[in-house]
Amino acid sequence: AGKLGVSIVLRCPDINKIEKCNLEILNFLKDKKI
């Protein structure tokens, strides 16, 4: 839609590890206002 972007994909058999990474990513995105 006319915008540049990036998709971050997390893969692992353990949902808890994925959720931990997701939270860490969301925290730095909030800090960077992305």
PDB file of all heavy atoms in Angstrom:
ATOM      1  N   ALA A   1       0.831  -1.215   0.000  1.00  0.00           N
ATOM      2  CA  ALA A   1       0.000   0.000   0.000  1.00  0.00           C
ATOM      3  C   ALA A   1       0.867   1.267   0.000  1.00  0.00           C
ATOM      4  O   ALA A   1       0.580   2.227   0.694  1.00  0.00           O
ATOM      5  CB  ALA A   1      -0.957  -0.003   1.182  1.00  0.00           C
ATOM      6  N   GLY A   2       1.954   1.214  -0.759  1.00  0.00           N
ATOM      7  CA  GLY A   2       2.813   2.380  -0.875  1.00  0.00           C
ATOM      8  C   GLY A   2       3.734   2.621   0.309  1.00  0.00           C
ATOM      9  O   GLY A   2       4.355   3.673   0.396  1.00  0.00           O
ATOM     10  N   LYS A   3       3.827   1.664   1.220  1.00  0.00           N
ATOM     11  CA  LYS A   3       4.662   1.839   2.417  1.00  0.00           C
ATOM     12  C   LYS A   3       5.700   0.726   2.515  1.00  0.00           C
ATOM     13  O   LYS A   3       5.416  -0.426   2.206  1.00  0.00           O
ATOM     14  CB  LYS A   3       3.808   1.840   3.684  1.00  0.00           C
ATOM     15  CG  LYS A   3       2.863   3.010   3.767  1.00  0.00           C
ATOM     16  CD  LYS A   3       2.107   2.992   5.067  1.00  0.00           C
ATOM     17  CE  LYS A   3       1.177   4.191   5.136  1.00  0.00           C
ATOM     18  NZ  LYS A   3       0.517   4.304   6.418  1.00  0.00           N
ATOM     19  N   LEU A   4       6.899   1.108   2.958  1.00  0.00           N
ATOM     20  CA  LEU A   4       7.941   0.135   3.242  1.00  0.00           C
ATOM     21  C   LEU A   4       7.731  -0.436   4.631  1.00  0.00           C
ATOM     22  O   LEU A   4       7.361   0.286   5.551  1.00  0.00           O
ATOM     23  CB  LEU A   4       9.320   0.787   3.186  1.00  0.00           C
ATOM     24  CG  LEU A   4       9.834   1.196   1.822  1.00  0.00           C
ATOM     25  CD1 LEU A   4      11.132   1.975   1.973  1.00  0.00           C
ATOM     26  CD2 LEU A   4      10.045  -0.015   0.946  1.00  0.00           C
ATOM     27  N   GLY A   5       7.984  -1.720   4.768  1.00  0.00           N
ATOM     28  CA  GLY A   5       7.833  -2.337   6.074  1.00  0.00           C
ATOM     29  C   GLY A   5       8.695  -3.568   6.217  1.00  0.00           C
ATOM     30  O   GLY A   5       9.395  -3.974   5.289  1.00  0.00           O
ATOM     31  N   VAL A   6       8.621  -4.150   7.388  1.00  0.00           N
ATOM     32  CA  VAL A   6       9.364  -5.366   7.711  1.00  0.00           C
ATOM     33  C   VAL A   6       8.451  -6.282   8.524  1.00  0.00           C
ATOM     34  O   VAL A   6       7.776  -5.826   9.455  1.00  0.00           O
ATOM     35  CB  VAL A   6      10.627  -5.043   8.549  1.00  0.00           C
ATOM     36  CG1 VAL A   6      11.365  -6.319   8.922  1.00  0.00           C
ATOM     37  CG2 VAL A   6      11.548  -4.090   7.830  1.00  0.00           C
ATOM     38  N   SER A   7       8.452  -7.543   8.155  1.00  0.00           N
ATOM     39  CA  SER A   7       7.779  -8.545   8.974  1.00  0.00           C
ATOM     40  C   SER A   7       8.840  -9.313   9.742  1.00  0.00           C
ATOM     41  O   SER A   7       9.818  -9.789   9.159  1.00  0.00           O
ATOM     42  CB  SER A   7       6.973  -9.514   8.112  1.00  0.00           C
ATOM     43  OG  SER A   7       5.854  -8.869   7.569  1.00  0.00           O
ATOM     44  N   ILE A   8       8.655  -9.407  11.044  1.00  0.00           N
ATOM     45  CA  ILE A   8       9.532 -10.200  11.901  1.00  0.00           C
ATOM     46  C   ILE A   8       8.802 -11.507  12.171  1.00  0.00           C
ATOM     47  O   ILE A   8       7.655 -11.502  12.623  1.00  0.00           O
ATOM     48  CB  ILE A   8       9.812  -9.484  13.237  1.00  0.00           C
ATOM     49  CG1 ILE A   8      10.459  -8.126  13.004  1.00  0.00           C
ATOM     50  CG2 ILE A   8      10.682 -10.355  14.138  1.00  0.00           C
ATOM     51  CD1 ILE A   8      10.527  -7.264  14.258  1.00  0.00           C
ATOM     52  N   VAL A   9       9.470 -12.618  11.873  1.00  0.00           N
ATOM     53  CA  VAL A   9       8.860 -13.929  12.079  1.00  0.00           C
ATOM     54  C   VAL A   9       9.652 -14.670  13.157  1.00  0.00           C
ATOM     55  O   VAL A   9      10.874 -14.780  13.080  1.00  0.00           O
ATOM     56  CB  VAL A   9       8.823 -14.747  10.775  1.00  0.00           C
ATOM     57  CG1 VAL A   9       8.204 -16.114  11.016  1.00  0.00           C
ATOM     58  CG2 VAL A   9       8.050 -13.997   9.693  1.00  0.00           C
ATOM     59  N   LEU A  10       8.919 -15.139  14.170  1.00  0.00           N
ATOM     60  CA  LEU A  10       9.494 -15.919  15.265  1.00  0.00           C
ATOM     61  C   LEU A  10       9.059 -17.364  15.084  1.00  0.00           C
ATOM     62  O   LEU A  10       7.872 -17.626  14.870  1.00  0.00           O
ATOM     63  CB  LEU A  10       8.993 -15.407  16.612  1.00  0.00           C
ATOM     64  CG  LEU A  10       9.093 -13.903  16.864  1.00  0.00           C
ATOM     65  CD1 LEU A  10       8.409 -13.543  18.165  1.00  0.00           C
ATOM     66  CD2 LEU A  10      10.541 -13.481  16.870  1.00  0.00           C
ATOM     67  N   ARG A  11      10.015 -18.320  15.170  1.00  0.00           N
ATOM     68  CA  ARG A  11       9.683 -19.742  15.026  1.00  0.00           C
ATOM     69  C   ARG A  11      10.364 -20.551  16.128  1.00  0.00           C
ATOM     70  O   ARG A  11      11.563 -20.394  16.363  1.00  0.00           O
ATOM     71  CB  ARG A  11      10.159 -20.256  13.670  1.00  0.00           C
ATOM     72  CG  ARG A  11       9.405 -19.690  12.504  1.00  0.00           C
ATOM     73  CD  ARG A  11       9.868 -20.354  11.195  1.00  0.00           C
ATOM     74  NE  ARG A  11       9.220 -19.759  10.057  1.00  0.00           N
ATOM     75  CZ  ARG A  11       9.740 -18.782   9.317  1.00  0.00           C
ATOM     76  NH1 ARG A  11      10.928 -18.301   9.601  1.00  0.00           N
ATOM     77  NH2 ARG A  11       9.075 -18.281   8.296  1.00  0.00           N
ATOM     78  N   CYS A  12       9.554 -21.422  16.757  1.00  0.00           N
ATOM     79  CA  CYS A  12      10.078 -22.272  17.827  1.00  0.00           C
ATOM     80  C   CYS A  12       8.973 -23.262  18.216  1.00  0.00           C
ATOM     81  O   CYS A  12       7.793 -22.929  18.124  1.00  0.00           O
ATOM     82  CB  CYS A  12      10.456 -21.406  19.038  1.00  0.00           C
ATOM     83  SG  CYS A  12      11.129 -22.298  20.440  1.00  0.00           S
ATOM     84  N   PRO A  13       9.325 -24.450  18.683  1.00  0.00           N
ATOM     85  CA  PRO A  13       8.298 -25.386  19.152  1.00  0.00           C
ATOM     86  C   PRO A  13       7.669 -24.980  20.487  1.00  0.00           C
ATOM     87  O   PRO A  13       6.622 -25.480  20.858  1.00  0.00           O
ATOM     88  CB  PRO A  13       9.030 -26.715  19.303  1.00  0.00           C
ATOM     89  CG  PRO A  13      10.383 -26.543  18.717  1.00  0.00           C
ATOM     90  CD  PRO A  13      10.635 -25.078  18.591  1.00  0.00           C
ATOM     91  N   ASP A  14       8.308 -24.056  21.205  1.00  0.00           N
ATOM     92  CA  ASP A  14       7.857 -23.673  22.549  1.00  0.00           C
ATOM     93  C   ASP A  14       7.167 -22.299  22.515  1.00  0.00           C
ATOM     94  O   ASP A  14       7.818 -21.276  22.341  1.00  0.00           O
ATOM     95  CB  ASP A  14       9.065 -23.636  23.480  1.00  0.00           C
ATOM     96  CG  ASP A  14       8.708 -23.401  24.940  1.00  0.00           C
ATOM     97  OD1 ASP A  14       7.640 -22.821  25.233  1.00  0.00           O
ATOM     98  OD2 ASP A  14       9.533 -23.791  25.802  1.00  0.00           O
ATOM     99  N   ILE A  15       5.863 -22.283  22.700  1.00  0.00           N
ATOM    100  CA  ILE A  15       5.085 -21.038  22.648  1.00  0.00           C
ATOM    101  C   ILE A  15       5.547 -20.038  23.704  1.00  0.00           C
ATOM    102  O   ILE A  15       5.522 -18.827  23.475  1.00  0.00           O
ATOM    103  CB  ILE A  15       3.559 -21.305  22.764  1.00  0.00           C
ATOM    104  CG1 ILE A  15       2.747 -20.018  22.532  1.00  0.00           C
ATOM    105  CG2 ILE A  15       3.219 -21.899  24.116  1.00  0.00           C
ATOM    106  CD1 ILE A  15       2.818 -19.471  21.150  1.00  0.00           C
ATOM    107  N   ASN A  16       5.980 -20.524  24.854  1.00  0.00           N
ATOM    108  CA  ASN A  16       6.434 -19.615  25.908  1.00  0.00           C
ATOM    109  C   ASN A  16       7.677 -18.841  25.486  1.00  0.00           C
ATOM    110  O   ASN A  16       7.812 -17.657  25.800  1.00  0.00           O
ATOM    111  CB  ASN A  16       6.697 -20.383  27.207  1.00  0.00           C
ATOM    112  CG  ASN A  16       5.422 -20.949  27.786  1.00  0.00           C
ATOM    113  OD1 ASN A  16       4.389 -20.299  27.789  1.00  0.00           O
ATOM    114  ND2 ASN A  16       5.493 -22.179  28.263  1.00  0.00           N
ATOM    115  N   LYS A  17       8.578 -19.494  24.774  1.00  0.00           N
ATOM    116  CA  LYS A  17       9.779 -18.819  24.282  1.00  0.00           C
ATOM    117  C   LYS A  17       9.422 -17.794  23.203  1.00  0.00           C
ATOM    118  O   LYS A  17      10.007 -16.711  23.141  1.00  0.00           O
ATOM    119  CB  LYS A  17      10.792 -19.838  23.768  1.00  0.00           C
ATOM    120  CG  LYS A  17      11.384 -20.667  24.893  1.00  0.00           C
ATOM    121  CD  LYS A  17      12.374 -21.686  24.388  1.00  0.00           C
ATOM    122  CE  LYS A  17      12.923 -22.491  25.565  1.00  0.00           C
ATOM    123  NZ  LYS A  17      13.917 -23.469  25.131  1.00  0.00           N
ATOM    124  N   ILE A  18       8.455 -18.142  22.366  1.00  0.00           N
ATOM    125  CA  ILE A  18       7.997 -17.191  21.346  1.00  0.00           C
ATOM    126  C   ILE A  18       7.371 -15.974  22.014  1.00  0.00           C
ATOM    127  O   ILE A  18       7.649 -14.835  21.635  1.00  0.00           O
ATOM    128  CB  ILE A  18       6.997 -17.857  20.376  1.00  0.00           C
ATOM    129  CG1 ILE A  18       7.761 -18.813  19.462  1.00  0.00           C
ATOM    130  CG2 ILE A  18       6.242 -16.813  19.555  1.00  0.00           C
ATOM    131  CD1 ILE A  18       6.901 -19.540  18.479  1.00  0.00           C
ATOM    132  N   GLU A  19       6.529 -16.183  23.003  1.00  0.00           N
ATOM    133  CA  GLU A  19       5.873 -15.067  23.686  1.00  0.00           C
ATOM    134  C   GLU A  19       6.888 -14.181  24.411  1.00  0.00           C
ATOM    135  O   GLU A  19       6.734 -12.956  24.442  1.00  0.00           O
ATOM    136  CB  GLU A  19       4.807 -15.575  24.653  1.00  0.00           C
ATOM    137  CG  GLU A  19       3.593 -16.177  23.967  1.00  0.00           C
ATOM    138  CD  GLU A  19       2.877 -15.210  23.029  1.00  0.00           C
ATOM    139  OE1 GLU A  19       2.896 -13.987  23.261  1.00  0.00           O
ATOM    140  OE2 GLU A  19       2.297 -15.698  22.041  1.00  0.00           O
ATOM    141  N   LYS A  20       7.940 -14.775  24.965  1.00  0.00           N
ATOM    142  CA  LYS A  20       8.995 -13.997  25.619  1.00  0.00           C
ATOM    143  C   LYS A  20       9.681 -13.085  24.596  1.00  0.00           C
ATOM    144  O   LYS A  20       9.882 -11.893  24.846  1.00  0.00           O
ATOM    145  CB  LYS A  20      10.006 -14.933  26.274  1.00  0.00           C
ATOM    146  CG  LYS A  20      11.166 -14.227  26.949  1.00  0.00           C
ATOM    147  CD  LYS A  20      12.145 -15.249  27.535  1.00  0.00           C
ATOM    148  CE  LYS A  20      13.320 -14.597  28.197  1.00  0.00           C
ATOM    149  NZ  LYS A  20      14.318 -14.073  27.282  1.00  0.00           N
ATOM    150  N   CYS A  21      10.043 -13.644  23.449  1.00  0.00           N
ATOM    151  CA  CYS A  21      10.665 -12.837  22.387  1.00  0.00           C
ATOM    152  C   CYS A  21       9.708 -11.756  21.888  1.00  0.00           C
ATOM    153  O   CYS A  21      10.118 -10.621  21.653  1.00  0.00           O
ATOM    154  CB  CYS A  21      11.065 -13.720  21.211  1.00  0.00           C
ATOM    155  SG  CYS A  21      12.547 -14.661  21.489  1.00  0.00           S
ATOM    156  N   ASN A  22       8.454 -12.127  21.713  1.00  0.00           N
ATOM    157  CA  ASN A  22       7.454 -11.166  21.253  1.00  0.00           C
ATOM    158  C   ASN A  22       7.387  -9.971  22.204  1.00  0.00           C
ATOM    159  O   ASN A  22       7.383  -8.820  21.764  1.00  0.00           O
ATOM    160  CB  ASN A  22       6.091 -11.852  21.142  1.00  0.00           C
ATOM    161  CG  ASN A  22       5.021 -10.950  20.578  1.00  0.00           C
ATOM    162  OD1 ASN A  22       5.119 -10.497  19.448  1.00  0.00           O
ATOM    163  ND2 ASN A  22       4.002 -10.689  21.372  1.00  0.00           N
ATOM    164  N   LEU A  23       7.371 -10.231  23.497  1.00  0.00           N
ATOM    165  CA  LEU A  23       7.315  -9.161  24.489  1.00  0.00           C
ATOM    166  C   LEU A  23       8.569  -8.277  24.414  1.00  0.00           C
ATOM    167  O   LEU A  23       8.467  -7.045  24.454  1.00  0.00           O
ATOM    168  CB  LEU A  23       7.160  -9.742  25.886  1.00  0.00           C
ATOM    169  CG  LEU A  23       6.998  -8.745  27.022  1.00  0.00           C
ATOM    170  CD1 LEU A  23       5.779  -7.853  26.811  1.00  0.00           C
ATOM    171  CD2 LEU A  23       6.884  -9.474  28.345  1.00  0.00           C
ATOM    172  N   GLU A  24       9.728  -8.889  24.267  1.00  0.00           N
ATOM    173  CA  GLU A  24      10.968  -8.121  24.144  1.00  0.00           C
ATOM    174  C   GLU A  24      10.935  -7.237  22.896  1.00  0.00           C
ATOM    175  O   GLU A  24      11.352  -6.077  22.926  1.00  0.00           O
ATOM    176  CB  GLU A  24      12.179  -9.061  24.105  1.00  0.00           C
ATOM    177  CG  GLU A  24      12.437  -9.750  25.425  1.00  0.00           C
ATOM    178  CD  GLU A  24      13.579 -10.742  25.360  1.00  0.00           C
ATOM    179  OE1 GLU A  24      14.453 -10.618  24.469  1.00  0.00           O
ATOM    180  OE2 GLU A  24      13.608 -11.655  26.209  1.00  0.00           O
ATOM    181  N   ILE A  25      10.433  -7.789  21.795  1.00  0.00           N
ATOM    182  CA  ILE A  25      10.336  -7.014  20.559  1.00  0.00           C
ATOM    183  C   ILE A  25       9.345  -5.865  20.720  1.00  0.00           C
ATOM    184  O   ILE A  25       9.627  -4.730  20.340  1.00  0.00           O
ATOM    185  CB  ILE A  25       9.953  -7.929  19.379  1.00  0.00           C
ATOM    186  CG1 ILE A  25      11.120  -8.867  19.066  1.00  0.00           C
ATOM    187  CG2 ILE A  25       9.561  -7.102  18.151  1.00  0.00           C
ATOM    188  CD1 ILE A  25      10.785 -10.001  18.126  1.00  0.00           C
ATOM    189  N   LEU A  26       8.184  -6.141  21.295  1.00  0.00           N
ATOM    190  CA  LEU A  26       7.189  -5.080  21.496  1.00  0.00           C
ATOM    191  C   LEU A  26       7.737  -3.955  22.362  1.00  0.00           C
ATOM    192  O   LEU A  26       7.448  -2.778  22.115  1.00  0.00           O
ATOM    193  CB  LEU A  26       5.911  -5.650  22.112  1.00  0.00           C
ATOM    194  CG  LEU A  26       5.109  -6.603  21.221  1.00  0.00           C
ATOM    195  CD1 LEU A  26       3.908  -7.148  21.985  1.00  0.00           C
ATOM    196  CD2 LEU A  26       4.680  -5.934  19.933  1.00  0.00           C
ATOM    197  N   ASN A  27       8.561  -4.294  23.346  1.00  0.00           N
ATOM    198  CA  ASN A  27       9.151  -3.277  24.208  1.00  0.00           C
ATOM    199  C   ASN A  27      10.094  -2.357  23.433  1.00  0.00           C
ATOM    200  O   ASN A  27      10.039  -1.133  23.585  1.00  0.00           O
ATOM    201  CB  ASN A  27       9.884  -3.910  25.389  1.00  0.00           C
ATOM    202  CG  ASN A  27       8.932  -4.440  26.437  1.00  0.00           C
ATOM    203  OD1 ASN A  27       7.799  -3.983  26.562  1.00  0.00           O
ATOM    204  ND2 ASN A  27       9.384  -5.416  27.195  1.00  0.00           N
ATOM    205  N   PHE A  28      10.966  -2.921  22.582  1.00  0.00           N
ATOM    206  CA  PHE A  28      11.869  -2.035  21.858  1.00  0.00           C
ATOM    207  C   PHE A  28      11.135  -1.266  20.766  1.00  0.00           C
ATOM    208  O   PHE A  28      11.496  -0.139  20.450  1.00  0.00           O
ATOM    209  CB  PHE A  28      13.135  -2.754  21.360  1.00  0.00           C
ATOM    210  CG  PHE A  28      13.072  -3.378  19.989  1.00  0.00           C
ATOM    211  CD1 PHE A  28      13.074  -2.605  18.835  1.00  0.00           C
ATOM    212  CD2 PHE A  28      13.096  -4.752  19.844  1.00  0.00           C
ATOM    213  CE1 PHE A  28      13.056  -3.190  17.580  1.00  0.00           C
ATOM    214  CE2 PHE A  28      13.090  -5.347  18.592  1.00  0.00           C
ATOM    215  CZ  PHE A  28      13.063  -4.560  17.456  1.00  0.00           C
ATOM    216  N   LEU A  29      10.071  -1.840  20.210  1.00  0.00           N
ATOM    217  CA  LEU A  29       9.278  -1.101  19.212  1.00  0.00           C
ATOM    218  C   LEU A  29       8.606   0.111  19.856  1.00  0.00           C
ATOM    219  O   LEU A  29       8.551   1.192  19.261  1.00  0.00           O
ATOM    220  CB  LEU A  29       8.227  -2.013  18.584  1.00  0.00           C
ATOM    221  CG  LEU A  29       8.764  -3.160  17.735  1.00  0.00           C
ATOM    222  CD1 LEU A  29       7.609  -4.056  17.289  1.00  0.00           C
ATOM    223  CD2 LEU A  29       9.561  -2.654  16.549  1.00  0.00           C
ATOM    224  N   LYS A  30       8.102  -0.082  21.064  1.00  0.00           N
ATOM    225  CA  LYS A  30       7.467   1.024  21.795  1.00  0.00           C
ATOM    226  C   LYS A  30       8.491   2.122  22.075  1.00  0.00           C
ATOM    227  O   LYS A  30       8.212   3.302  21.859  1.00  0.00           O
ATOM    228  CB  LYS A  30       6.873   0.510  23.102  1.00  0.00           C
ATOM    229  CG  LYS A  30       6.134   1.553  23.884  1.00  0.00           C
ATOM    230  CD  LYS A  30       5.544   0.959  25.156  1.00  0.00           C
ATOM    231  CE  LYS A  30       4.883   2.022  25.999  1.00  0.00           C
ATOM    232  NZ  LYS A  30       4.368   1.482  27.256  1.00  0.00           N
ATOM    233  N   ASP A  31       9.691   1.728  22.525  1.00  0.00           N
ATOM    234  CA  ASP A  31      10.741   2.711  22.803  1.00  0.00           C
ATOM    235  C   ASP A  31      11.137   3.490  21.555  1.00  0.00           C
ATOM    236  O   ASP A  31      11.401   4.690  21.620  1.00  0.00           O
ATOM    237  CB  ASP A  31      11.988   2.026  23.390  1.00  0.00           C
ATOM    238  CG  ASP A  31      11.765   1.497  24.790  1.00  0.00           C
ATOM    239  OD1 ASP A  31      10.774   1.901  25.444  1.00  0.00           O
ATOM    240  OD2 ASP A  31      12.574   0.659  25.242  1.00  0.00           O
ATOM    241  N   LYS A  32      11.181   2.801  20.408  1.00  0.00           N
ATOM    242  CA  LYS A  32      11.575   3.450  19.153  1.00  0.00           C
ATOM    243  C   LYS A  32      10.393   4.110  18.437  1.00  0.00           C
ATOM    244  O   LYS A  32      10.573   4.709  17.382  1.00  0.00           O
ATOM    245  CB  LYS A  32      12.233   2.429  18.222  1.00  0.00           C
ATOM    246  CG  LYS A  32      13.586   1.948  18.696  1.00  0.00           C
ATOM    247  CD  LYS A  32      14.155   0.943  17.697  1.00  0.00           C
ATOM    248  CE  LYS A  32      15.528   0.484  18.102  1.00  0.00           C
ATOM    249  NZ  LYS A  32      16.582   1.304  17.544  1.00  0.00           N
ATOM    250  N   LYS A  33       9.189   3.943  18.990  1.00  0.00           N
ATOM    251  CA  LYS A  33       7.973   4.505  18.403  1.00  0.00           C
ATOM    252  C   LYS A  33       7.758   4.024  16.959  1.00  0.00           C
ATOM    253  O   LYS A  33       7.433   4.797  16.065  1.00  0.00           O
ATOM    254  CB  LYS A  33       7.992   6.033  18.472  1.00  0.00           C
ATOM    255  CG  LYS A  33       7.991   6.557  19.901  1.00  0.00           C
ATOM    256  CD  LYS A  33       8.050   8.069  19.933  1.00  0.00           C
ATOM    257  CE  LYS A  33       7.910   8.644  21.300  1.00  0.00           C
ATOM    258  NZ  LYS A  33       8.842   8.306  22.303  1.00  0.00           N
ATOM    259  N   ILE A  34       7.927   2.718  16.763  1.00  0.00           N
ATOM    260  CA  ILE A  34       7.724   2.096  15.455  1.00  0.00           C
ATOM    261  C   ILE A  34       6.304   1.561  15.382  1.00  0.00           C
ATOM    262  O   ILE A  34       5.832   0.879  16.287  1.00  0.00           O
ATOM    263  CB  ILE A  34       8.755   0.968  15.225  1.00  0.00           C
ATOM    264  CG1 ILE A  34      10.157   1.576  15.140  1.00  0.00           C
ATOM    265  CG2 ILE A  34       8.422   0.178  13.967  1.00  0.00           C
ATOM    266  CD1 ILE A  34      11.272   0.567  15.051  1.00  0.00           C
TER     267      ILE A  34
END
